[in-house]
PDB file of N, CA and C in Angstrom:
ATOM      1  N   UNK A   1    -101.225 143.131 119.730  1.00  0.00           N
ATOM      2  CA  UNK A   1    -101.964 143.075 118.187  1.00  0.00           C
ATOM      3  C   UNK A   1    -100.822 143.898 117.461  1.00  0.00           C
ATOM      4  N   UNK A   2    -100.056 144.583 118.100  1.00  0.00           N
ATOM      5  CA  UNK A   2     -98.686 145.394 117.162  1.00  0.00           C
ATOM      6  C   UNK A   2     -98.250 144.508 115.855  1.00  0.00           C
ATOM      7  N   UNK A   3     -98.593 143.204 115.848  1.00  0.00           N
ATOM      8  CA  UNK A   3     -97.443 142.534 114.898  1.00  0.00           C
ATOM      9  C   UNK A   3     -98.793 142.229 114.087  1.00  0.00           C
ATOM     10  N   UNK A   4     -99.718 142.292 114.591  1.00  0.00           N
ATOM     11  CA  UNK A   4    -101.058 141.301 113.341  1.00  0.00           C
ATOM     12  C   UNK A   4    -101.098 141.761 112.048  1.00  0.00           C
ATOM     13  N   UNK A   5    -101.321 142.912 111.490  1.00  0.00           N
ATOM     14  CA  UNK A   5    -100.744 143.798 110.544  1.00  0.00           C
ATOM     15  C   UNK A   5     -99.989 143.110 109.958  1.00  0.00           C
ATOM     16  N   UNK A   6     -98.605 143.244 109.880  1.00  0.00           N
ATOM     17  CA  UNK A   6     -97.245 142.728 109.415  1.00  0.00           C
ATOM     18  C   UNK A   6     -97.638 140.928 108.812  1.00  0.00           C
ATOM     19  N   UNK A   7     -98.826 140.932 109.971  1.00  0.00           N
ATOM     20  CA  UNK A   7     -98.057 139.098 109.720  1.00  0.00           C
ATOM     21  C   UNK A   7     -99.767 138.908 108.794  1.00  0.00           C
ATOM     22  N   UNK A   8    -100.466 139.589 108.516  1.00  0.00           N
ATOM     23  CA  UNK A   8    -101.640 139.778 107.055  1.00  0.00           C
ATOM     24  C   UNK A   8    -101.001 139.855 106.353  1.00  0.00           C
ATOM     25  N   UNK A   9     -99.997 141.329 106.211  1.00  0.00           N
ATOM     26  CA  UNK A   9     -99.358 140.658 105.054  1.00  0.00           C
ATOM     27  C   UNK A   9     -98.750 140.269 104.096  1.00  0.00           C
ATOM     28  N   UNK A  10     -97.979 139.840 105.018  1.00  0.00           N
ATOM     29  CA  UNK A  10     -96.770 138.632 104.752  1.00  0.00           C
ATOM     30  C   UNK A  10     -97.249 137.904 104.447  1.00  0.00           C
ATOM     31  N   UNK A  11     -98.659 137.395 105.135  1.00  0.00           N
ATOM     32  CA  UNK A  11     -99.957 136.951 104.584  1.00  0.00           C
ATOM     33  C   UNK A  11    -100.432 136.295 103.330  1.00  0.00           C
ATOM     34  N   UNK A  12    -100.370 137.648 102.617  1.00  0.00           N
ATOM     35  CA  UNK A  12    -101.050 137.616 101.484  1.00  0.00           C
ATOM     36  C   UNK A  12     -99.765 137.230 100.218  1.00  0.00           C
ATOM     37  N   UNK A  13     -99.249 137.091 101.091  1.00  0.00           N
ATOM     38  CA  UNK A  13     -97.999 136.327  99.701  1.00  0.00           C
ATOM     39  C   UNK A  13     -98.320 134.875  99.707  1.00  0.00           C
ATOM     40  N   UNK A  14     -98.431 134.029 100.540  1.00  0.00           N
ATOM     41  CA  UNK A  14     -99.277 132.835 100.031  1.00  0.00           C
ATOM     42  C   UNK A  14    -100.996 132.693 100.071  1.00  0.00           C
ATOM     43  N   UNK A  15    -100.576 132.140  98.515  1.00  0.00           N
ATOM     44  CA  UNK A  15    -102.461 131.832  97.984  1.00  0.00           C
ATOM     45  C   UNK A  15    -102.865 131.172  99.466  1.00  0.00           C
ATOM     46  N   UNK A  16    -102.353 129.845  99.211  1.00  0.00           N
ATOM     47  CA  UNK A  16    -103.401 129.417 100.018  1.00  0.00           C
ATOM     48  C   UNK A  16    -103.875 130.079 101.067  1.00  0.00           C
ATOM     49  N   UNK A  17    -102.849 131.199 102.561  1.00  0.00           N
ATOM     50  CA  UNK A  17    -103.047 131.085 103.521  1.00  0.00           C
ATOM     51  C   UNK A  17    -103.592 132.322 103.433  1.00  0.00           C
ATOM     52  N   UNK A  18    -105.045 132.954 101.874  1.00  0.00           N
ATOM     53  CA  UNK A  18    -104.989 134.440 102.302  1.00  0.00           C
ATOM     54  C   UNK A  18    -106.749 134.288 102.290  1.00  0.00           C
ATOM     55  N   UNK A  19    -107.435 133.264 102.576  1.00  0.00           N
ATOM     56  CA  UNK A  19    -108.012 132.428 103.102  1.00  0.00           C
ATOM     57  C   UNK A  19    -108.699 132.841 103.863  1.00  0.00           C
ATOM     58  N   UNK A  20    -108.236 132.822 105.047  1.00  0.00           N
ATOM     59  CA  UNK A  20    -108.335 132.667 106.514  1.00  0.00           C
ATOM     60  C   UNK A  20    -108.079 134.022 106.689  1.00  0.00           C
ATOM     61  N   UNK A  21    -107.314 135.048 106.628  1.00  0.00           N
ATOM     62  CA  UNK A  21    -106.701 136.451 107.097  1.00  0.00           C
ATOM     63  C   UNK A  21    -108.026 136.847 107.849  1.00  0.00           C
ATOM     64  N   UNK A  22    -109.802 136.881 107.729  1.00  0.00           N
ATOM     65  CA  UNK A  22    -110.088 137.678 108.277  1.00  0.00           C
ATOM     66  C   UNK A  22    -110.847 137.095 109.723  1.00  0.00           C
ATOM     67  N   UNK A  23    -110.029 135.974 109.863  1.00  0.00           N
ATOM     68  CA  UNK A  23    -109.932 134.726 110.411  1.00  0.00           C
ATOM     69  C   UNK A  23    -108.718 135.148 111.952  1.00  0.00           C
ATOM     70  N   UNK A  24    -107.965 135.975 112.071  1.00  0.00           N
ATOM     71  CA  UNK A  24    -106.973 135.559 112.693  1.00  0.00           C
ATOM     72  C   UNK A  24    -107.775 135.842 114.090  1.00  0.00           C
ATOM     73  N   UNK A  25    -107.560 135.920 115.176  1.00  0.00           N
ATOM     74  CA  UNK A  25    -107.122 135.759 116.505  1.00  0.00           C
ATOM     75  C   UNK A  25    -105.618 136.364 117.412  1.00  0.00           C
ATOM     76  N   UNK A  26    -105.457 135.103 117.251  1.00  0.00           N
ATOM     77  CA  UNK A  26    -103.668 135.120 117.370  1.00  0.00           C
ATOM     78  C   UNK A  26    -102.980 133.977 115.912  1.00  0.00           C
ATOM     79  N   UNK A  27    -101.948 134.933 116.120  1.00  0.00           N
ATOM     80  CA  UNK A  27    -100.781 134.018 115.627  1.00  0.00           C
ATOM     81  C   UNK A  27    -100.963 132.177 115.413  1.00  0.00           C
ATOM     82  N   UNK A  28    -101.201 132.173 117.275  1.00  0.00           N
ATOM     83  CA  UNK A  28    -100.984 130.307 116.528  1.00  0.00           C
ATOM     84  C   UNK A  28    -102.247 130.215 116.556  1.00  0.00           C
ATOM     85  N   UNK A  29    -103.327 131.039 116.632  1.00  0.00           N
ATOM     86  CA  UNK A  29    -105.112 130.495 115.177  1.00  0.00           C
ATOM     87  C   UNK A  29    -105.256 130.627 113.924  1.00  0.00           C
ATOM     88  N   UNK A  30    -104.077 131.548 113.426  1.00  0.00           N
ATOM     89  CA  UNK A  30    -103.907 132.010 112.289  1.00  0.00           C
ATOM     90  C   UNK A  30    -103.570 130.511 111.382  1.00  0.00           C
ATOM     91  N   UNK A  31    -102.026 130.216 112.025  1.00  0.00           N
ATOM     92  CA  UNK A  31    -101.437 128.285 111.557  1.00  0.00           C
ATOM     93  C   UNK A  31    -102.220 127.923 111.424  1.00  0.00           C
ATOM     94  N   UNK A  32    -102.567 127.752 112.490  1.00  0.00           N
ATOM     95  CA  UNK A  32    -103.576 126.426 113.351  1.00  0.00           C
ATOM     96  C   UNK A  32    -104.630 125.977 111.333  1.00  0.00           C
ATOM     97  N   UNK A  33    -105.011 127.361 111.829  1.00  0.00           N
ATOM     98  CA  UNK A  33    -107.009 126.967 111.091  1.00  0.00           C
ATOM     99  C   UNK A  33    -105.651 127.686 109.751  1.00  0.00           C
ATOM    100  N   UNK A  34    -104.831 127.520 109.192  1.00  0.00           N
ATOM    101  CA  UNK A  34    -104.278 127.679 108.023  1.00  0.00           C
ATOM    102  C   UNK A  34    -103.643 125.806 108.083  1.00  0.00           C
ATOM    103  N   UNK A  35    -102.868 125.935 107.761  1.00  0.00           N
ATOM    104  CA  UNK A  35    -102.082 124.610 108.113  1.00  0.00           C
ATOM    105  C   UNK A  35    -103.801 123.648 107.909  1.00  0.00           C
ATOM    106  N   UNK A  36    -104.598 123.082 109.172  1.00  0.00           N
ATOM    107  CA  UNK A  36    -105.534 122.018 108.630  1.00  0.00           C
ATOM    108  C   UNK A  36    -107.053 122.781 107.945  1.00  0.00           C
ATOM    109  N   UNK A  37    -106.308 123.694 106.594  1.00  0.00           N
ATOM    110  CA  UNK A  37    -107.264 123.982 105.903  1.00  0.00           C
ATOM    111  C   UNK A  37    -106.801 123.827 105.040  1.00  0.00           C
ATOM    112  N   UNK A  38    -105.633 122.566 104.608  1.00  0.00           N
ATOM    113  CA  UNK A  38    -104.321 122.802 103.698  1.00  0.00           C
ATOM    114  C   UNK A  38    -104.400 121.335 103.035  1.00  0.00           C
ATOM    115  N   UNK A  39    -105.302 120.813 101.248  1.00  0.00           N
ATOM    116  CA  UNK A  39    -105.573 119.829 101.351  1.00  0.00           C
ATOM    117  C   UNK A  39    -103.732 118.960 101.675  1.00  0.00           C
ATOM    118  N   UNK A  40    -103.931 117.424 101.428  1.00  0.00           N
ATOM    119  CA  UNK A  40    -102.890 116.292 101.371  1.00  0.00           C
ATOM    120  C   UNK A  40    -102.075 117.037  99.915  1.00  0.00           C
ATOM    121  N   UNK A  41    -102.514 117.924  99.318  1.00  0.00           N
ATOM    122  CA  UNK A  41    -102.286 116.846  97.265  1.00  0.00           C
ATOM    123  C   UNK A  41    -100.707 118.490  97.791  1.00  0.00           C
ATOM    124  N   UNK A  42    -100.943 119.483  98.536  1.00  0.00           N
ATOM    125  CA  UNK A  42     -99.792 120.233  98.223  1.00  0.00           C
ATOM    126  C   UNK A  42     -98.614 120.726  99.494  1.00  0.00           C
ATOM    127  N   UNK A  43     -98.899 118.634 100.445  1.00  0.00           N
ATOM    128  CA  UNK A  43     -97.391 118.875 100.403  1.00  0.00           C
ATOM    129  C   UNK A  43     -96.486 118.565  99.464  1.00  0.00           C
ATOM    130  N   UNK A  44     -95.878 119.489  99.308  1.00  0.00           N
ATOM    131  CA  UNK A  44     -95.344 120.118  98.180  1.00  0.00           C
ATOM    132  C   UNK A  44     -94.047 120.867  99.104  1.00  0.00           C
ATOM    133  N   UNK A  45     -92.692 120.684  98.827  1.00  0.00           N
ATOM    134  CA  UNK A  45     -91.897 121.830  99.715  1.00  0.00           C
ATOM    135  C   UNK A  45     -92.008 123.717  99.308  1.00  0.00           C
ATOM    136  N   UNK A  46     -92.738 123.908  97.944  1.00  0.00           N
ATOM    137  CA  UNK A  46     -92.609 125.312  98.223  1.00  0.00           C
ATOM    138  C   UNK A  46     -93.935 125.952  98.803  1.00  0.00           C
ATOM    139  N   UNK A  47     -94.667 124.552  99.170  1.00  0.00           N
ATOM    140  CA  UNK A  47     -95.780 125.362  99.995  1.00  0.00           C
ATOM    141  C   UNK A  47     -96.151 124.909 101.318  1.00  0.00           C
ATOM    142  N   UNK A  48     -94.853 123.255 101.660  1.00  0.00           N
ATOM    143  CA  UNK A  48     -94.446 123.467 103.698  1.00  0.00           C
ATOM    144  C   UNK A  48     -93.425 124.498 103.827  1.00  0.00           C
ATOM    145  N   UNK A  49     -92.058 125.188 102.407  1.00  0.00           N
ATOM    146  CA  UNK A  49     -91.685 125.736 102.627  1.00  0.00           C
ATOM    147  C   UNK A  49     -92.216 127.452 103.042  1.00  0.00           C
ATOM    148  N   UNK A  50     -92.756 127.933 102.226  1.00  0.00           N
ATOM    149  CA  UNK A  50     -94.228 129.438 102.949  1.00  0.00           C
ATOM    150  C   UNK A  50     -94.664 129.581 104.374  1.00  0.00           C
ATOM    151  N   UNK A  51     -95.257 127.727 104.503  1.00  0.00           N
ATOM    152  CA  UNK A  51     -95.589 128.063 105.720  1.00  0.00           C
ATOM    153  C   UNK A  51     -94.908 127.624 106.604  1.00  0.00           C
ATOM    154  N   UNK A  52     -93.645 127.507 106.619  1.00  0.00           N
ATOM    155  CA  UNK A  52     -92.404 127.470 108.163  1.00  0.00           C
ATOM    156  C   UNK A  52     -91.915 129.126 107.808  1.00  0.00           C
ATOM    157  N   UNK A  53     -91.521 129.039 106.888  1.00  0.00           N
ATOM    158  CA  UNK A  53     -91.522 131.178 106.769  1.00  0.00           C
ATOM    159  C   UNK A  53     -91.746 131.762 107.325  1.00  0.00           C
ATOM    160  N   UNK A  54     -93.732 131.548 107.128  1.00  0.00           N
ATOM    161  CA  UNK A  54     -93.867 132.674 107.920  1.00  0.00           C
ATOM    162  C   UNK A  54     -94.551 131.944 109.283  1.00  0.00           C
ATOM    163  N   UNK A  55     -94.408 131.139 110.119  1.00  0.00           N
ATOM    164  CA  UNK A  55     -94.059 130.670 111.063  1.00  0.00           C
ATOM    165  C   UNK A  55     -92.924 131.506 111.879  1.00  0.00           C
ATOM    166  N   UNK A  56     -91.816 131.202 110.954  1.00  0.00           N
ATOM    167  CA  UNK A  56     -90.027 131.057 111.647  1.00  0.00           C
ATOM    168  C   UNK A  56     -90.537 132.952 111.665  1.00  0.00           C
ATOM    169  N   UNK A  57     -91.524 133.799 111.138  1.00  0.00           N
ATOM    170  CA  UNK A  57     -91.752 135.266 110.923  1.00  0.00           C
ATOM    171  C   UNK A  57     -92.426 135.752 112.107  1.00  0.00           C
ATOM    172  N   UNK A  58     -93.222 134.548 113.126  1.00  0.00           N
ATOM    173  CA  UNK A  58     -94.150 134.766 114.357  1.00  0.00           C
ATOM    174  C   UNK A  58     -93.378 134.217 115.602  1.00  0.00           C
ATOM    175  N   UNK A  59     -91.690 133.750 115.172  1.00  0.00           N
ATOM    176  CA  UNK A  59     -91.042 133.486 116.528  1.00  0.00           C
ATOM    177  C   UNK A  59     -91.441 134.026 117.982  1.00  0.00           C
ATOM    178  N   UNK A  60     -89.983 135.031 117.446  1.00  0.00           N
ATOM    179  CA  UNK A  60     -90.361 135.945 118.295  1.00  0.00           C
ATOM    180  C   UNK A  60     -91.819 136.742 118.967  1.00  0.00           C
ATOM    181  N   UNK A  61     -92.693 136.499 118.760  1.00  0.00           N
ATOM    182  CA  UNK A  61     -93.645 136.890 118.856  1.00  0.00           C
ATOM    183  C   UNK A  61     -95.065 136.022 120.058  1.00  0.00           C
ATOM    184  N   UNK A  62     -94.378 134.953 118.977  1.00  0.00           N
ATOM    185  CA  UNK A  62     -94.970 133.662 120.162  1.00  0.00           C
ATOM    186  C   UNK A  62     -94.662 132.243 119.795  1.00  0.00           C
ATOM    187  N   UNK A  63     -93.452 131.784 120.797  1.00  0.00           N
ATOM    188  CA  UNK A  63     -92.549 130.979 120.453  1.00  0.00           C
ATOM    189  C   UNK A  63     -93.171 129.240 120.620  1.00  0.00           C
ATOM    190  N   UNK A  64     -93.568 129.102 118.982  1.00  0.00           N
ATOM    191  CA  UNK A  64     -94.164 127.663 118.933  1.00  0.00           C
ATOM    192  C   UNK A  64     -93.470 126.995 118.592  1.00  0.00           C
ATOM    193  N   UNK A  65     -93.659 125.651 117.725  1.00  0.00           N
ATOM    194  CA  UNK A  65     -93.008 124.888 116.618  1.00  0.00           C
ATOM    195  C   UNK A  65     -93.862 124.782 115.914  1.00  0.00           C
ATOM    196  N   UNK A  66     -93.961 125.166 114.934  1.00  0.00           N
ATOM    197  CA  UNK A  66     -95.707 125.023 113.895  1.00  0.00           C
ATOM    198  C   UNK A  66     -94.781 123.660 112.691  1.00  0.00           C
ATOM    199  N   UNK A  67     -93.237 124.064 112.737  1.00  0.00           N
ATOM    200  CA  UNK A  67     -93.694 122.880 112.217  1.00  0.00           C
ATOM    201  C   UNK A  67     -94.383 120.848 111.903  1.00  0.00           C
ATOM    202  N   UNK A  68     -94.087 121.215 114.015  1.00  0.00           N
ATOM    203  CA  UNK A  68     -95.037 120.108 114.994  1.00  0.00           C
ATOM    204  C   UNK A  68     -96.255 119.853 114.084  1.00  0.00           C
ATOM    205  N   UNK A  69     -96.754 121.998 114.448  1.00  0.00           N
ATOM    206  CA  UNK A  69     -98.389 121.893 114.111  1.00  0.00           C
ATOM    207  C   UNK A  69     -99.044 121.480 112.083  1.00  0.00           C
ATOM    208  N   UNK A  70     -98.326 121.534 111.557  1.00  0.00           N
ATOM    209  CA  UNK A  70     -97.413 121.002 110.294  1.00  0.00           C
ATOM    210  C   UNK A  70     -98.280 119.280 110.233  1.00  0.00           C
ATOM    211  N   UNK A  71     -97.269 119.462 110.663  1.00  0.00           N
ATOM    212  CA  UNK A  71     -96.870 117.543 110.552  1.00  0.00           C
ATOM    213  C   UNK A  71     -97.996 117.086 111.303  1.00  0.00           C
ATOM    214  N   UNK A  72     -98.688 117.403 112.410  1.00  0.00           N
ATOM    215  CA  UNK A  72     -99.775 117.166 113.225  1.00  0.00           C
ATOM    216  C   UNK A  72    -100.981 117.559 112.478  1.00  0.00           C
ATOM    217  N   UNK A  73    -101.391 118.476 111.734  1.00  0.00           N
ATOM    218  CA  UNK A  73    -102.585 118.515 110.668  1.00  0.00           C
ATOM    219  C   UNK A  73    -102.278 117.893 110.242  1.00  0.00           C
ATOM    220  N   UNK A  74    -101.492 116.839 108.904  1.00  0.00           N
ATOM    221  CA  UNK A  74    -101.100 116.311 108.102  1.00  0.00           C
ATOM    222  C   UNK A  74    -101.999 115.691 108.842  1.00  0.00           C
ATOM    223  N   UNK A  75    -101.093 115.068 109.932  1.00  0.00           N
ATOM    224  CA  UNK A  75    -101.290 113.674 109.817  1.00  0.00           C
ATOM    225  C   UNK A  75    -103.206 113.406 110.324  1.00  0.00           C
ATOM    226  N   UNK A  76    -103.368 114.306 111.220  1.00  0.00           N
ATOM    227  CA  UNK A  76    -104.915 114.324 110.850  1.00  0.00           C
ATOM    228  C   UNK A  76    -106.344 114.514 109.359  1.00  0.00           C
ATOM    229  N   UNK A  77    -105.358 114.841 108.932  1.00  0.00           N
ATOM    230  CA  UNK A  77    -105.447 115.250 108.202  1.00  0.00           C
ATOM    231  C   UNK A  77    -106.799 113.727 106.533  1.00  0.00           C
ATOM    232  N   UNK A  78    -105.348 113.335 106.987  1.00  0.00           N
ATOM    233  CA  UNK A  78    -104.134 112.105 106.600  1.00  0.00           C
ATOM    234  C   UNK A  78    -106.271 110.648 107.007  1.00  0.00           C
ATOM    235  N   UNK A  79    -105.297 110.726 108.330  1.00  0.00           N
ATOM    236  CA  UNK A  79    -106.490 110.326 109.223  1.00  0.00           C
ATOM    237  C   UNK A  79    -108.554 109.959 108.922  1.00  0.00           C
ATOM    238  N   UNK A  80    -108.105 111.733 109.003  1.00  0.00           N
ATOM    239  CA  UNK A  80    -109.535 111.795 107.890  1.00  0.00           C
ATOM    240  C   UNK A  80    -110.524 111.249 107.135  1.00  0.00           C
ATOM    241  N   UNK A  81    -109.318 111.436 105.954  1.00  0.00           N
ATOM    242  CA  UNK A  81    -109.732 111.032 104.625  1.00  0.00           C
ATOM    243  C   UNK A  81    -109.906 109.577 105.136  1.00  0.00           C
ATOM    244  N   UNK A  82    -108.459 108.639 105.440  1.00  0.00           N
ATOM    245  CA  UNK A  82    -108.756 106.610 105.113  1.00  0.00           C
ATOM    246  C   UNK A  82    -110.289 106.805 106.056  1.00  0.00           C
ATOM    247  N   UNK A  83    -110.618 106.764 107.885  1.00  0.00           N
ATOM    248  CA  UNK A  83    -112.194 106.885 108.121  1.00  0.00           C
ATOM    249  C   UNK A  83    -113.338 107.579 107.367  1.00  0.00           C
ATOM    250  N   UNK A  84    -112.808 108.444 105.898  1.00  0.00           N
ATOM    251  CA  UNK A  84    -114.722 108.827 104.834  1.00  0.00           C
ATOM    252  C   UNK A  84    -113.907 107.806 104.508  1.00  0.00           C
ATOM    253  N   UNK A  85    -112.735 107.016 103.794  1.00  0.00           N
ATOM    254  CA  UNK A  85    -113.345 106.481 103.227  1.00  0.00           C
ATOM    255  C   UNK A  85    -113.360 104.800 103.049  1.00  0.00           C
ATOM    256  N   UNK A  86    -113.140 104.295 104.523  1.00  0.00           N
ATOM    257  CA  UNK A  86    -113.611 103.496 105.040  1.00  0.00           C
ATOM    258  C   UNK A  86    -115.181 103.162 105.247  1.00  0.00           C
ATOM    259  N   UNK A  87    -115.657 104.423 105.221  1.00  0.00           N
ATOM    260  CA  UNK A  87    -116.714 104.709 106.391  1.00  0.00           C
ATOM    261  C   UNK A  87    -117.687 104.463 104.327  1.00  0.00           C
ATOM    262  N   UNK A  88    -117.047 105.428 103.170  1.00  0.00           N
ATOM    263  CA  UNK A  88    -117.661 104.813 101.583  1.00  0.00           C
ATOM    264  C   UNK A  88    -118.335 103.787 101.674  1.00  0.00           C
ATOM    265  N   UNK A  89    -116.861 103.073 101.951  1.00  0.00           N
ATOM    266  CA  UNK A  89    -117.118 101.668 101.019  1.00  0.00           C
ATOM    267  C   UNK A  89    -117.893 100.339 101.906  1.00  0.00           C
ATOM    268  N   UNK A  90    -118.102 100.854 102.997  1.00  0.00           N
ATOM    269  CA  UNK A  90    -119.185  99.653 103.782  1.00  0.00           C
ATOM    270  C   UNK A  90    -120.689 100.189 103.153  1.00  0.00           C
ATOM    271  N   UNK A  91    -120.673 101.981 102.976  1.00  0.00           N
ATOM    272  CA  UNK A  91    -122.630 101.971 102.560  1.00  0.00           C
ATOM    273  C   UNK A  91    -122.450 100.584 101.431  1.00  0.00           C
ATOM    274  N   UNK A  92    -121.588 100.038 100.521  1.00  0.00           N
ATOM    275  CA  UNK A  92    -122.255  99.261  99.922  1.00  0.00           C
ATOM    276  C   UNK A  92    -122.000  97.980  99.806  1.00  0.00           C
TER     277      UNK A  92
END
């Protein structure tokens, strides 16, 4: 748990990660919750780079493929958006 304060400090440098600081239980929870919270319009290199850099700083503490989590999360969001769009058009 010694790493957690440093992770919180690191997260403060990325504005779109700040809202989830209080929910951190472990590095993987933090990264997954942040990725799931990002809207698709943030698929810009600067945002992805900040998350990947943050993920890379966690590798020694908890080895994990953060790029895969990011990709999987965006695919889930895209599928959910398409599902919602389909449902909203069926109502009319």
